[in-house]
Amino acid sequence: MKTKSKKKRPTIRDVAALSGVSVATVSRYLNGKTNKMTSATAEKIKEAITKLQYIPNSAAREMSHNKSMIIVIVVANVADYFSTEIFKGASRKLEEAGYVPVLLDSSADQSHEQRILNSVNIHGFDGMLFQPLTSDTELIKSELTRNFPVVILDRELKRSPWPQVVTDNYQAAKKATEHFVSEGFSHVVVLSSTIRLASTRQERFHGIIDYADDVDVIEIDENHFDHQQVYQRLATLMKTDQKTVLFSLKERWLLEFLPRLMQNGLINKKITRVTGFADTSLIKSICPDSHMISQNPSYMGKRAAEILLQMLGGETREIDDIVIKANFDAINHQ
């Protein structure tokens, strides 16, 4: 009994033969180089591709151009809205340029981030957008051994060999602190992930302590923390007759603890203020009297992607870091 032969997959030569042009002309069409052919020729090739149901061999094209057309975007933690919005903003820009963005998540785990970078070193990505967990430039350089275009996001690395897109963290925190101190709120309770691990948090913290004298700090390990224990300490610090500001260096922690503080009457409009760095409008919905410092992670992702595309396009001059200003609503909406 004869078995049915498998239908032969159409090739670029078949497309060329059906459209009456050379293989080279079809190749130019597939690579978007239609400026040197007539619209009639381009239409013939298009019709032949449709009729034959031809699917280009992308792997072969990548090998011939020594490109994968894939960009890896490594973020600190997809549990944070900031990281997911970075990816959204960057991916839209990269897709417009014909690249495929791939998201990898460090999950706020330094050892996991190291494994991700080891994987990036051996795979054929054309470039990388990177929101690192650490601010240690030398550590990142030792782990990221591959020489290819990289743009750093949301971290200000000292002596960085890569361009960076960051928020004006120190100035934003300073502006907010000065505002509350001028209103008589002398006591600040800082709620944060481990401060020493990220330059963003260090800069925000210094913006606070440089302008406030009475500061208490609650640092939280993102992967291992006792919710009840953190809440009890926070509640103790908020139970005071002092005019107190709850200042979160990360939106996640306000989302985690603010509703319960409000439910238990520990947020009092007369003697407490709520502020922090926010990436959504959720905190304002929960606590309308809060005054938040808003960032634009989607725009940061877009700008980082634009820089990376410049580098991929052969831009050889040194590219300046980009600092994007945050918006403190207590001042800007007065």
C-alpha atoms as a PDB file:
ATOM      1  CA  MET A   1       0.000   0.000   0.000  1.00  0.00           C
ATOM      2  CA  LYS A   2       1.433   3.350  -1.048  1.00  0.00           C
ATOM      3  CA  THR A   3       1.654   6.061   1.549  1.00  0.00           C
ATOM      4  CA  LYS A   4       0.560   9.513   0.635  1.00  0.00           C
ATOM      5  CA  SER A   5       3.588  11.673  -0.069  1.00  0.00           C
ATOM      6  CA  LYS A   6       4.014  14.790   2.040  1.00  0.00           C
ATOM      7  CA  LYS A   7       3.302  18.002   0.149  1.00  0.00           C
ATOM      8  CA  LYS A   8       6.509  19.827  -0.697  1.00  0.00           C
ATOM      9  CA  ARG A   9       6.906  23.148   1.035  1.00  0.00           C
ATOM     10  CA  PRO A  10       7.176  26.012  -1.496  1.00  0.00           C
ATOM     11  CA  THR A  11      10.568  27.695  -1.718  1.00  0.00           C
ATOM     12  CA  ILE A  12      11.792  31.143  -2.628  1.00  0.00           C
ATOM     13  CA  ARG A  13      12.683  29.728  -6.074  1.00  0.00           C
ATOM     14  CA  ASP A  14       9.041  28.740  -6.586  1.00  0.00           C
ATOM     15  CA  VAL A  15       7.958  32.295  -5.754  1.00  0.00           C
ATOM     16  CA  ALA A  16      10.523  33.700  -8.199  1.00  0.00           C
ATOM     17  CA  ALA A  17       9.407  31.335 -10.981  1.00  0.00           C
ATOM     18  CA  LEU A  18       5.699  32.094 -10.525  1.00  0.00           C
ATOM     19  CA  SER A  19       6.205  35.864 -10.398  1.00  0.00           C
ATOM     20  CA  GLY A  20       8.725  35.883 -13.283  1.00  0.00           C
ATOM     21  CA  VAL A  21      11.544  37.578 -11.374  1.00  0.00           C
ATOM     22  CA  SER A  22      14.894  36.534  -9.961  1.00  0.00           C
ATOM     23  CA  VAL A  23      15.456  34.945  -6.565  1.00  0.00           C
ATOM     24  CA  ALA A  24      17.445  38.056  -5.581  1.00  0.00           C
ATOM     25  CA  THR A  25      14.427  40.281  -6.350  1.00  0.00           C
ATOM     26  CA  VAL A  26      12.167  38.125  -4.183  1.00  0.00           C
ATOM     27  CA  SER A  27      14.770  38.257  -1.395  1.00  0.00           C
ATOM     28  CA  ARG A  28      14.829  42.057  -1.588  1.00  0.00           C
ATOM     29  CA  TYR A  29      11.028  42.108  -1.364  1.00  0.00           C
ATOM     30  CA  LEU A  30      11.043  39.847   1.701  1.00  0.00           C
ATOM     31  CA  ASN A  31      13.559  42.128   3.406  1.00  0.00           C
ATOM     32  CA  GLY A  32      11.445  45.223   2.743  1.00  0.00           C
ATOM     33  CA  LYS A  33      13.797  46.667   0.121  1.00  0.00           C
ATOM     34  CA  THR A  34      11.140  47.553  -2.449  1.00  0.00           C
ATOM     35  CA  ASN A  35      12.397  51.036  -3.305  1.00  0.00           C
ATOM     36  CA  LYS A  36      14.348  49.751  -6.326  1.00  0.00           C
ATOM     37  CA  MET A  37      11.512  47.736  -7.882  1.00  0.00           C
ATOM     38  CA  THR A  38       8.303  48.819  -9.563  1.00  0.00           C
ATOM     39  CA  SER A  39       4.997  48.543  -7.757  1.00  0.00           C
ATOM     40  CA  ALA A  40       3.910  46.058 -10.435  1.00  0.00           C
ATOM     41  CA  THR A  41       6.861  43.778  -9.632  1.00  0.00           C
ATOM     42  CA  ALA A  42       6.154  44.000  -5.901  1.00  0.00           C
ATOM     43  CA  GLU A  43       2.500  43.139  -6.542  1.00  0.00           C
ATOM     44  CA  LYS A  44       3.461  40.090  -8.643  1.00  0.00           C
ATOM     45  CA  ILE A  45       5.669  38.789  -5.848  1.00  0.00           C
ATOM     46  CA  LYS A  46       2.946  39.407  -3.275  1.00  0.00           C
ATOM     47  CA  GLU A  47       0.397  37.497  -5.383  1.00  0.00           C
ATOM     48  CA  ALA A  48       2.825  34.582  -5.868  1.00  0.00           C
ATOM     49  CA  ILE A  49       3.492  34.386  -2.115  1.00  0.00           C
ATOM     50  CA  THR A  50      -0.246  34.346  -1.410  1.00  0.00           C
ATOM     51  CA  LYS A  51      -1.014  31.747  -4.070  1.00  0.00           C
ATOM     52  CA  LEU A  52       1.791  29.400  -3.016  1.00  0.00           C
ATOM     53  CA  GLN A  53       1.183  30.078   0.717  1.00  0.00           C
ATOM     54  CA  TYR A  54       4.914  30.635   0.973  1.00  0.00           C
ATOM     55  CA  ILE A  55       6.356  31.079   4.459  1.00  0.00           C
ATOM     56  CA  PRO A  56       9.865  32.598   4.548  1.00  0.00           C
ATOM     57  CA  ASN A  57      12.516  30.588   6.308  1.00  0.00           C
ATOM     58  CA  SER A  58      13.286  33.092   9.040  1.00  0.00           C
ATOM     59  CA  ALA A  59      16.129  31.009  10.498  1.00  0.00           C
ATOM     60  CA  ALA A  60      17.971  31.026   7.166  1.00  0.00           C
ATOM     61  CA  ARG A  61      17.422  34.772   6.795  1.00  0.00           C
ATOM     62  CA  GLU A  62      18.751  35.356  10.319  1.00  0.00           C
ATOM     63  CA  MET A  63      21.892  33.351   9.569  1.00  0.00           C
ATOM     64  CA  SER A  64      22.540  35.249   6.343  1.00  0.00           C
ATOM     65  CA  HIS A  65      22.136  38.616   8.093  1.00  0.00           C
ATOM     66  CA  ASN A  66      23.803  37.458  11.335  1.00  0.00           C
ATOM     67  CA  LYS A  67      20.734  38.728  13.215  1.00  0.00           C
ATOM     68  CA  SER A  68      17.996  37.062  15.227  1.00  0.00           C
ATOM     69  CA  MET A  69      15.691  40.134  15.261  1.00  0.00           C
ATOM     70  CA  ILE A  70      14.951  39.227  18.896  1.00  0.00           C
ATOM     71  CA  ILE A  71      15.478  41.629  21.809  1.00  0.00           C
ATOM     72  CA  VAL A  72      15.516  40.353  25.381  1.00  0.00           C
ATOM     73  CA  ILE A  73      13.971  42.570  28.062  1.00  0.00           C
ATOM     74  CA  VAL A  74      15.055  41.537  31.566  1.00  0.00           C
ATOM     75  CA  VAL A  75      12.979  43.105  34.360  1.00  0.00           C
ATOM     76  CA  ALA A  76      13.400  43.039  38.121  1.00  0.00           C
ATOM     77  CA  ASN A  77       9.987  41.690  39.075  1.00  0.00           C
ATOM     78  CA  VAL A  78       6.815  41.299  36.988  1.00  0.00           C
ATOM     79  CA  ALA A  79       4.849  41.399  40.257  1.00  0.00           C
ATOM     80  CA  ASP A  80       5.512  45.145  40.091  1.00  0.00           C
ATOM     81  CA  TYR A  81       3.419  47.182  37.677  1.00  0.00           C
ATOM     82  CA  PHE A  82       6.523  49.246  36.907  1.00  0.00           C
ATOM     83  CA  SER A  83       8.323  46.279  35.343  1.00  0.00           C
ATOM     84  CA  THR A  84       5.384  45.175  33.208  1.00  0.00           C
ATOM     85  CA  GLU A  85       4.817  48.729  31.951  1.00  0.00           C
ATOM     86  CA  ILE A  86       8.496  49.018  31.003  1.00  0.00           C
ATOM     87  CA  PHE A  87       8.025  45.937  28.851  1.00  0.00           C
ATOM     88  CA  LYS A  88       4.838  47.248  27.250  1.00  0.00           C
ATOM     89  CA  GLY A  89       6.374  50.593  26.324  1.00  0.00           C
ATOM     90  CA  ALA A  90       9.547  49.019  24.963  1.00  0.00           C
ATOM     91  CA  SER A  91       7.872  46.178  23.092  1.00  0.00           C
ATOM     92  CA  ARG A  92       5.599  48.470  21.101  1.00  0.00           C
ATOM     93  CA  LYS A  93       8.579  50.458  19.831  1.00  0.00           C
ATOM     94  CA  LEU A  94      10.651  47.363  19.070  1.00  0.00           C
ATOM     95  CA  GLU A  95       7.808  45.635  17.218  1.00  0.00           C
ATOM     96  CA  GLU A  96       7.350  48.713  15.028  1.00  0.00           C
ATOM     97  CA  ALA A  97      10.988  48.283  13.986  1.00  0.00           C
ATOM     98  CA  GLY A  98      10.496  44.603  13.150  1.00  0.00           C
ATOM     99  CA  TYR A  99      12.002  43.106  16.304  1.00  0.00           C
ATOM    100  CA  VAL A 100      10.476  40.447  18.542  1.00  0.00           C
ATOM    101  CA  PRO A 101      10.697  41.377  22.262  1.00  0.00           C
ATOM    102  CA  VAL A 102      11.097  38.578  24.813  1.00  0.00           C
ATOM    103  CA  LEU A 103      10.376  39.165  28.516  1.00  0.00           C
ATOM    104  CA  LEU A 104      12.513  37.520  31.216  1.00  0.00           C
ATOM    105  CA  ASP A 105      11.784  38.069  34.918  1.00  0.00           C
ATOM    106  CA  SER A 106      14.452  38.113  37.646  1.00  0.00           C
ATOM    107  CA  SER A 107      11.705  37.721  40.284  1.00  0.00           C
ATOM    108  CA  ALA A 108      13.616  40.010  42.694  1.00  0.00           C
ATOM    109  CA  ASP A 109      16.106  37.160  43.160  1.00  0.00           C
ATOM    110  CA  GLN A 110      19.789  37.920  42.595  1.00  0.00           C
ATOM    111  CA  SER A 111      20.775  34.302  41.942  1.00  0.00           C
ATOM    112  CA  HIS A 112      17.932  33.940  39.433  1.00  0.00           C
ATOM    113  CA  GLU A 113      19.057  37.117  37.688  1.00  0.00           C
ATOM    114  CA  GLN A 114      22.557  35.643  37.390  1.00  0.00           C
ATOM    115  CA  ARG A 115      21.149  32.510  35.749  1.00  0.00           C
ATOM    116  CA  ILE A 116      19.181  34.672  33.322  1.00  0.00           C
ATOM    117  CA  LEU A 117      22.310  36.635  32.356  1.00  0.00           C
ATOM    118  CA  ASN A 118      24.222  33.403  31.839  1.00  0.00           C
ATOM    119  CA  SER A 119      21.476  32.315  29.450  1.00  0.00           C
ATOM    120  CA  VAL A 120      21.519  35.669  27.655  1.00  0.00           C
ATOM    121  CA  ASN A 121      25.274  35.292  27.137  1.00  0.00           C
ATOM    122  CA  ILE A 122      24.857  32.130  25.059  1.00  0.00           C
ATOM    123  CA  HIS A 123      21.689  32.865  23.080  1.00  0.00           C
ATOM    124  CA  GLY A 124      21.443  34.869  19.894  1.00  0.00           C
ATOM    125  CA  PHE A 125      19.655  37.993  21.067  1.00  0.00           C
ATOM    126  CA  ASP A 126      20.473  41.145  19.093  1.00  0.00           C
ATOM    127  CA  GLY A 127      20.302  43.405  22.152  1.00  0.00           C
ATOM    128  CA  MET A 128      18.999  43.763  25.683  1.00  0.00           C
ATOM    129  CA  LEU A 129      16.994  46.196  27.809  1.00  0.00           C
ATOM    130  CA  PHE A 130      17.905  45.514  31.430  1.00  0.00           C
ATOM    131  CA  GLN A 131      16.331  46.556  34.736  1.00  0.00           C
ATOM    132  CA  PRO A 132      18.921  45.063  37.099  1.00  0.00           C
ATOM    133  CA  LEU A 133      18.353  44.197  40.731  1.00  0.00           C
ATOM    134  CA  THR A 134      21.774  45.411  41.782  1.00  0.00           C
ATOM    135  CA  SER A 135      23.488  48.742  41.280  1.00  0.00           C
ATOM    136  CA  ASP A 136      26.935  47.117  41.311  1.00  0.00           C
ATOM    137  CA  THR A 137      28.355  47.880  37.858  1.00  0.00           C
ATOM    138  CA  GLU A 138      31.338  45.563  38.218  1.00  0.00           C
ATOM    139  CA  LEU A 139      29.128  42.662  39.291  1.00  0.00           C
ATOM    140  CA  ILE A 140      26.880  43.128  36.257  1.00  0.00           C
ATOM    141  CA  LYS A 141      29.920  43.355  33.949  1.00  0.00           C
ATOM    142  CA  SER A 142      31.301  40.110  35.384  1.00  0.00           C
ATOM    143  CA  GLU A 143      27.991  38.312  34.808  1.00  0.00           C
ATOM    144  CA  LEU A 144      27.082  39.856  31.452  1.00  0.00           C
ATOM    145  CA  THR A 145      30.092  38.822  29.384  1.00  0.00           C
ATOM    146  CA  ARG A 146      28.532  39.104  25.935  1.00  0.00           C
ATOM    147  CA  ASN A 147      29.447  42.166  23.871  1.00  0.00           C
ATOM    148  CA  PHE A 148      26.219  43.459  22.320  1.00  0.00           C
ATOM    149  CA  PRO A 149      23.967  46.546  22.614  1.00  0.00           C
ATOM    150  CA  VAL A 150      22.542  47.011  26.130  1.00  0.00           C
ATOM    151  CA  VAL A 151      20.461  49.788  27.701  1.00  0.00           C
ATOM    152  CA  ILE A 152      19.987  49.985  31.481  1.00  0.00           C
ATOM    153  CA  LEU A 153      16.578  50.937  32.874  1.00  0.00           C
ATOM    154  CA  ASP A 154      15.578  52.314  36.285  1.00  0.00           C
ATOM    155  CA  ARG A 155      19.043  52.003  37.811  1.00  0.00           C
ATOM    156  CA  GLU A 156      21.784  54.618  37.875  1.00  0.00           C
ATOM    157  CA  LEU A 157      25.009  52.653  37.710  1.00  0.00           C
ATOM    158  CA  LYS A 158      28.325  54.324  38.491  1.00  0.00           C
ATOM    159  CA  ARG A 159      30.836  54.190  35.623  1.00  0.00           C
ATOM    160  CA  SER A 160      28.294  52.340  33.511  1.00  0.00           C
ATOM    161  CA  PRO A 161      29.538  51.267  30.058  1.00  0.00           C
ATOM    162  CA  TRP A 162      25.901  51.247  28.913  1.00  0.00           C
ATOM    163  CA  PRO A 163      23.456  54.134  28.384  1.00  0.00           C
ATOM    164  CA  GLN A 164      20.776  54.461  31.076  1.00  0.00           C
ATOM    165  CA  VAL A 165      17.170  55.660  31.313  1.00  0.00           C
ATOM    166  CA  VAL A 166      16.271  56.682  34.867  1.00  0.00           C
ATOM    167  CA  THR A 167      13.893  58.795  36.963  1.00  0.00           C
ATOM    168  CA  ASP A 168      15.095  61.862  38.898  1.00  0.00           C
ATOM    169  CA  ASN A 169      14.660  59.878  42.107  1.00  0.00           C
ATOM    170  CA  TYR A 170      16.637  62.084  44.495  1.00  0.00           C
ATOM    171  CA  GLN A 171      15.067  65.355  43.368  1.00  0.00           C
ATOM    172  CA  ALA A 172      11.541  63.893  43.410  1.00  0.00           C
ATOM    173  CA  ALA A 173      11.930  62.535  46.955  1.00  0.00           C
ATOM    174  CA  LYS A 174      13.549  65.764  48.115  1.00  0.00           C
ATOM    175  CA  LYS A 175      10.734  67.885  46.662  1.00  0.00           C
ATOM    176  CA  ALA A 176       8.057  65.787  48.375  1.00  0.00           C
ATOM    177  CA  THR A 177       9.895  65.775  51.721  1.00  0.00           C
ATOM    178  CA  GLU A 178      10.446  69.539  51.678  1.00  0.00           C
ATOM    179  CA  HIS A 179       6.746  70.037  50.970  1.00  0.00           C
ATOM    180  CA  PHE A 180       5.595  67.955  53.945  1.00  0.00           C
ATOM    181  CA  VAL A 181       8.218  69.355  56.326  1.00  0.00           C
ATOM    182  CA  SER A 182       7.093  72.876  55.407  1.00  0.00           C
ATOM    183  CA  GLU A 183       3.559  71.838  56.440  1.00  0.00           C
ATOM    184  CA  GLY A 184       4.814  70.713  59.854  1.00  0.00           C
ATOM    185  CA  PHE A 185       5.053  66.959  59.214  1.00  0.00           C
ATOM    186  CA  SER A 186       8.373  66.377  60.927  1.00  0.00           C
ATOM    187  CA  HIS A 187       8.148  62.592  61.358  1.00  0.00           C
ATOM    188  CA  VAL A 188       8.650  60.342  58.288  1.00  0.00           C
ATOM    189  CA  VAL A 189       8.065  56.585  58.208  1.00  0.00           C
ATOM    190  CA  VAL A 190       9.858  55.106  55.202  1.00  0.00           C
ATOM    191  CA  LEU A 191       8.487  51.830  53.823  1.00  0.00           C
ATOM    192  CA  SER A 192      10.799  50.121  51.349  1.00  0.00           C
ATOM    193  CA  SER A 193      12.320  46.997  49.894  1.00  0.00           C
ATOM    194  CA  THR A 194      15.953  46.521  50.994  1.00  0.00           C
ATOM    195  CA  ILE A 195      17.423  49.952  50.287  1.00  0.00           C
ATOM    196  CA  ARG A 196      21.074  49.063  49.715  1.00  0.00           C
ATOM    197  CA  LEU A 197      20.261  46.690  46.867  1.00  0.00           C
ATOM    198  CA  ALA A 198      19.092  49.305  44.338  1.00  0.00           C
ATOM    199  CA  SER A 199      20.361  52.761  43.414  1.00  0.00           C
ATOM    200  CA  THR A 200      16.795  53.995  42.886  1.00  0.00           C
ATOM    201  CA  ARG A 201      15.879  53.275  46.493  1.00  0.00           C
ATOM    202  CA  GLN A 202      19.177  54.709  47.768  1.00  0.00           C
ATOM    203  CA  GLU A 203      18.588  57.966  45.899  1.00  0.00           C
ATOM    204  CA  ARG A 204      14.989  58.230  47.107  1.00  0.00           C
ATOM    205  CA  PHE A 205      16.025  57.528  50.676  1.00  0.00           C
ATOM    206  CA  HIS A 206      18.760  60.179  50.583  1.00  0.00           C
ATOM    207  CA  GLY A 207      16.264  62.671  49.199  1.00  0.00           C
ATOM    208  CA  ILE A 208      14.228  62.081  52.357  1.00  0.00           C
ATOM    209  CA  ILE A 209      16.915  61.979  55.053  1.00  0.00           C
ATOM    210  CA  ASP A 210      18.695  65.052  53.652  1.00  0.00           C
ATOM    211  CA  TYR A 211      15.578  67.130  54.416  1.00  0.00           C
ATOM    212  CA  ALA A 212      13.880  65.375  57.350  1.00  0.00           C
ATOM    213  CA  ASP A 213      15.391  64.949  60.815  1.00  0.00           C
ATOM    214  CA  ASP A 214      13.030  62.356  62.329  1.00  0.00           C
ATOM    215  CA  VAL A 215      12.970  59.283  60.057  1.00  0.00           C
ATOM    216  CA  ASP A 216      12.037  55.681  60.844  1.00  0.00           C
ATOM    217  CA  VAL A 217      12.691  52.962  58.280  1.00  0.00           C
ATOM    218  CA  ILE A 218      10.972  49.647  57.640  1.00  0.00           C
ATOM    219  CA  GLU A 219      12.861  47.541  55.093  1.00  0.00           C
ATOM    220  CA  ILE A 220      11.201  44.479  53.574  1.00  0.00           C
ATOM    221  CA  ASP A 221      12.802  41.476  51.892  1.00  0.00           C
ATOM    222  CA  GLU A 222      10.665  41.075  48.769  1.00  0.00           C
ATOM    223  CA  ASN A 223      10.861  37.291  48.755  1.00  0.00           C
ATOM    224  CA  HIS A 224      10.769  36.498  52.458  1.00  0.00           C
ATOM    225  CA  PHE A 225       8.736  38.649  54.822  1.00  0.00           C
ATOM    226  CA  ASP A 226       6.164  38.154  57.541  1.00  0.00           C
ATOM    227  CA  HIS A 227       3.151  40.296  56.589  1.00  0.00           C
ATOM    228  CA  GLN A 228       1.774  40.478  60.126  1.00  0.00           C
ATOM    229  CA  GLN A 229       5.146  41.366  61.613  1.00  0.00           C
ATOM    230  CA  VAL A 230       5.702  44.187  59.128  1.00  0.00           C
ATOM    231  CA  TYR A 231       2.181  45.508  59.676  1.00  0.00           C
ATOM    232  CA  GLN A 232       2.545  45.528  63.475  1.00  0.00           C
ATOM    233  CA  ARG A 233       5.762  47.526  63.290  1.00  0.00           C
ATOM    234  CA  LEU A 234       4.210  49.917  60.793  1.00  0.00           C
ATOM    235  CA  ALA A 235       1.102  50.345  62.959  1.00  0.00           C
ATOM    236  CA  THR A 236       3.253  51.062  66.007  1.00  0.00           C
ATOM    237  CA  LEU A 237       5.144  53.818  64.172  1.00  0.00           C
ATOM    238  CA  MET A 238       1.912  55.343  62.851  1.00  0.00           C
ATOM    239  CA  LYS A 239       0.278  55.418  66.319  1.00  0.00           C
ATOM    240  CA  THR A 240       1.719  58.751  67.308  1.00  0.00           C
ATOM    241  CA  ASP A 241       0.637  62.273  68.129  1.00  0.00           C
ATOM    242  CA  GLN A 242       3.329  63.611  65.792  1.00  0.00           C
ATOM    243  CA  LYS A 243       2.397  64.844  62.348  1.00  0.00           C
ATOM    244  CA  THR A 244       3.650  61.861  60.357  1.00  0.00           C
ATOM    245  CA  VAL A 245       4.257  61.086  56.683  1.00  0.00           C
ATOM    246  CA  LEU A 246       4.073  57.495  55.462  1.00  0.00           C
ATOM    247  CA  PHE A 247       6.560  57.524  52.567  1.00  0.00           C
ATOM    248  CA  SER A 248       6.747  54.346  50.471  1.00  0.00           C
ATOM    249  CA  LEU A 249       9.668  54.004  48.086  1.00  0.00           C
ATOM    250  CA  LYS A 250       7.694  51.440  46.098  1.00  0.00           C
ATOM    251  CA  GLU A 251       3.998  51.332  45.220  1.00  0.00           C
ATOM    252  CA  ARG A 252       3.691  47.632  46.028  1.00  0.00           C
ATOM    253  CA  TRP A 253       4.063  48.193  49.766  1.00  0.00           C
ATOM    254  CA  LEU A 254       1.305  50.795  49.959  1.00  0.00           C
ATOM    255  CA  LEU A 255      -0.985  48.421  48.090  1.00  0.00           C
ATOM    256  CA  GLU A 256      -0.007  45.746  50.603  1.00  0.00           C
ATOM    257  CA  PHE A 257      -0.496  47.675  53.851  1.00  0.00           C
ATOM    258  CA  LEU A 258      -2.397  50.938  53.303  1.00  0.00           C
ATOM    259  CA  PRO A 259      -5.955  49.478  53.171  1.00  0.00           C
ATOM    260  CA  ARG A 260      -5.511  47.810  56.570  1.00  0.00           C
ATOM    261  CA  LEU A 261      -3.985  50.950  58.095  1.00  0.00           C
ATOM    262  CA  MET A 262      -7.000  52.917  56.903  1.00  0.00           C
ATOM    263  CA  GLN A 263      -9.446  50.287  58.112  1.00  0.00           C
ATOM    264  CA  ASN A 264      -7.892  50.446  61.574  1.00  0.00           C
ATOM    265  CA  GLY A 265      -8.057  54.243  61.671  1.00  0.00           C
ATOM    266  CA  LEU A 266      -4.295  54.795  61.526  1.00  0.00           C
ATOM    267  CA  ILE A 267      -4.463  57.202  58.598  1.00  0.00           C
ATOM    268  CA  ASN A 268      -5.830  60.446  59.988  1.00  0.00           C
ATOM    269  CA  LYS A 269      -6.123  63.397  57.635  1.00  0.00           C
ATOM    270  CA  LYS A 270      -5.230  65.845  60.405  1.00  0.00           C
ATOM    271  CA  ILE A 271      -1.937  64.334  61.498  1.00  0.00           C
ATOM    272  CA  THR A 272      -0.892  61.869  58.758  1.00  0.00           C
ATOM    273  CA  ARG A 273       0.026  62.088  55.110  1.00  0.00           C
ATOM    274  CA  VAL A 274       0.528  59.291  52.588  1.00  0.00           C
ATOM    275  CA  THR A 275       3.022  59.605  49.770  1.00  0.00           C
ATOM    276  CA  GLY A 276       5.440  57.543  47.703  1.00  0.00           C
ATOM    277  CA  PHE A 277       6.452  56.558  44.213  1.00  0.00           C
ATOM    278  CA  ALA A 278       3.481  55.246  42.246  1.00  0.00           C
ATOM    279  CA  ASP A 279       3.086  53.751  38.792  1.00  0.00           C
ATOM    280  CA  THR A 280      -0.724  53.545  38.752  1.00  0.00           C
ATOM    281  CA  SER A 281      -3.712  55.499  40.066  1.00  0.00           C
ATOM    282  CA  LEU A 282      -4.597  52.713  42.520  1.00  0.00           C
ATOM    283  CA  ILE A 283      -3.245  54.466  45.610  1.00  0.00           C
ATOM    284  CA  LYS A 284      -5.289  57.594  44.853  1.00  0.00           C
ATOM    285  CA  SER A 285      -8.360  55.379  44.509  1.00  0.00           C
ATOM    286  CA  ILE A 286      -7.692  53.742  47.874  1.00  0.00           C
ATOM    287  CA  CYS A 287      -6.677  56.954  49.636  1.00  0.00           C
ATOM    288  CA  PRO A 288      -7.901  60.093  47.812  1.00  0.00           C
ATOM    289  CA  ASP A 289      -6.014  62.333  50.252  1.00  0.00           C
ATOM    290  CA  SER A 290      -2.640  60.826  49.343  1.00  0.00           C
ATOM    291  CA  HIS A 291      -0.088  62.874  47.418  1.00  0.00           C
ATOM    292  CA  MET A 292       1.878  60.608  45.103  1.00  0.00           C
ATOM    293  CA  ILE A 293       5.026  60.885  43.032  1.00  0.00           C
ATOM    294  CA  SER A 294       4.078  59.438  39.676  1.00  0.00           C
ATOM    295  CA  GLN A 295       6.494  57.897  37.194  1.00  0.00           C
ATOM    296  CA  ASN A 296       5.931  56.880  33.591  1.00  0.00           C
ATOM    297  CA  PRO A 297       7.460  53.411  33.179  1.00  0.00           C
ATOM    298  CA  SER A 298       5.857  52.870  29.774  1.00  0.00           C
ATOM    299  CA  TYR A 299       7.536  56.017  28.452  1.00  0.00           C
ATOM    300  CA  MET A 300      10.823  54.960  30.040  1.00  0.00           C
ATOM    301  CA  GLY A 301      10.582  51.631  28.211  1.00  0.00           C
ATOM    302  CA  LYS A 302       9.851  53.414  24.945  1.00  0.00           C
ATOM    303  CA  ARG A 303      12.840  55.774  25.305  1.00  0.00           C
ATOM    304  CA  ALA A 304      15.125  52.878  26.196  1.00  0.00           C
ATOM    305  CA  ALA A 305      13.956  50.996  23.103  1.00  0.00           C
ATOM    306  CA  GLU A 306      14.641  54.067  20.956  1.00  0.00           C
ATOM    307  CA  ILE A 307      18.206  54.219  22.264  1.00  0.00           C
ATOM    308  CA  LEU A 308      18.711  50.504  21.659  1.00  0.00           C
ATOM    309  CA  LEU A 309      17.452  50.856  18.084  1.00  0.00           C
ATOM    310  CA  GLN A 310      19.984  53.647  17.523  1.00  0.00           C
ATOM    311  CA  MET A 311      22.739  51.350  18.734  1.00  0.00           C
ATOM    312  CA  LEU A 312      21.507  48.479  16.570  1.00  0.00           C
ATOM    313  CA  GLY A 313      21.463  50.874  13.629  1.00  0.00           C
ATOM    314  CA  GLY A 314      25.175  51.532  14.025  1.00  0.00           C
ATOM    315  CA  GLU A 315      25.157  54.672  16.162  1.00  0.00           C
ATOM    316  CA  THR A 316      28.764  54.887  17.348  1.00  0.00           C
ATOM    317  CA  ARG A 317      28.854  58.176  19.249  1.00  0.00           C
ATOM    318  CA  GLU A 318      28.471  58.110  23.016  1.00  0.00           C
ATOM    319  CA  ILE A 319      24.769  58.216  23.906  1.00  0.00           C
ATOM    320  CA  ASP A 320      23.862  60.363  26.910  1.00  0.00           C
ATOM    321  CA  ASP A 321      21.844  58.992  29.807  1.00  0.00           C
ATOM    322  CA  ILE A 322      18.200  60.065  29.867  1.00  0.00           C
ATOM    323  CA  VAL A 323      16.666  61.358  33.112  1.00  0.00           C
ATOM    324  CA  ILE A 324      12.866  61.482  33.132  1.00  0.00           C
ATOM    325  CA  LYS A 325      11.245  63.752  35.702  1.00  0.00           C
ATOM    326  CA  ALA A 326       8.685  62.362  38.127  1.00  0.00           C
ATOM    327  CA  ASN A 327       5.522  64.311  38.945  1.00  0.00           C
ATOM    328  CA  PHE A 328       4.662  65.180  42.578  1.00  0.00           C
ATOM    329  CA  ASP A 329       0.955  65.942  42.562  1.00  0.00           C
ATOM    330  CA  ALA A 330       0.821  67.959  45.805  1.00  0.00           C
ATOM    331  CA  ILE A 331       2.862  70.690  44.108  1.00  0.00           C
ATOM    332  CA  ASN A 332       1.907  70.347  40.473  1.00  0.00           C
ATOM    333  CA  HIS A 333      -1.852  70.287  41.158  1.00  0.00           C
ATOM    334  CA  GLN A 334      -2.007  73.196  43.589  1.00  0.00           C
END
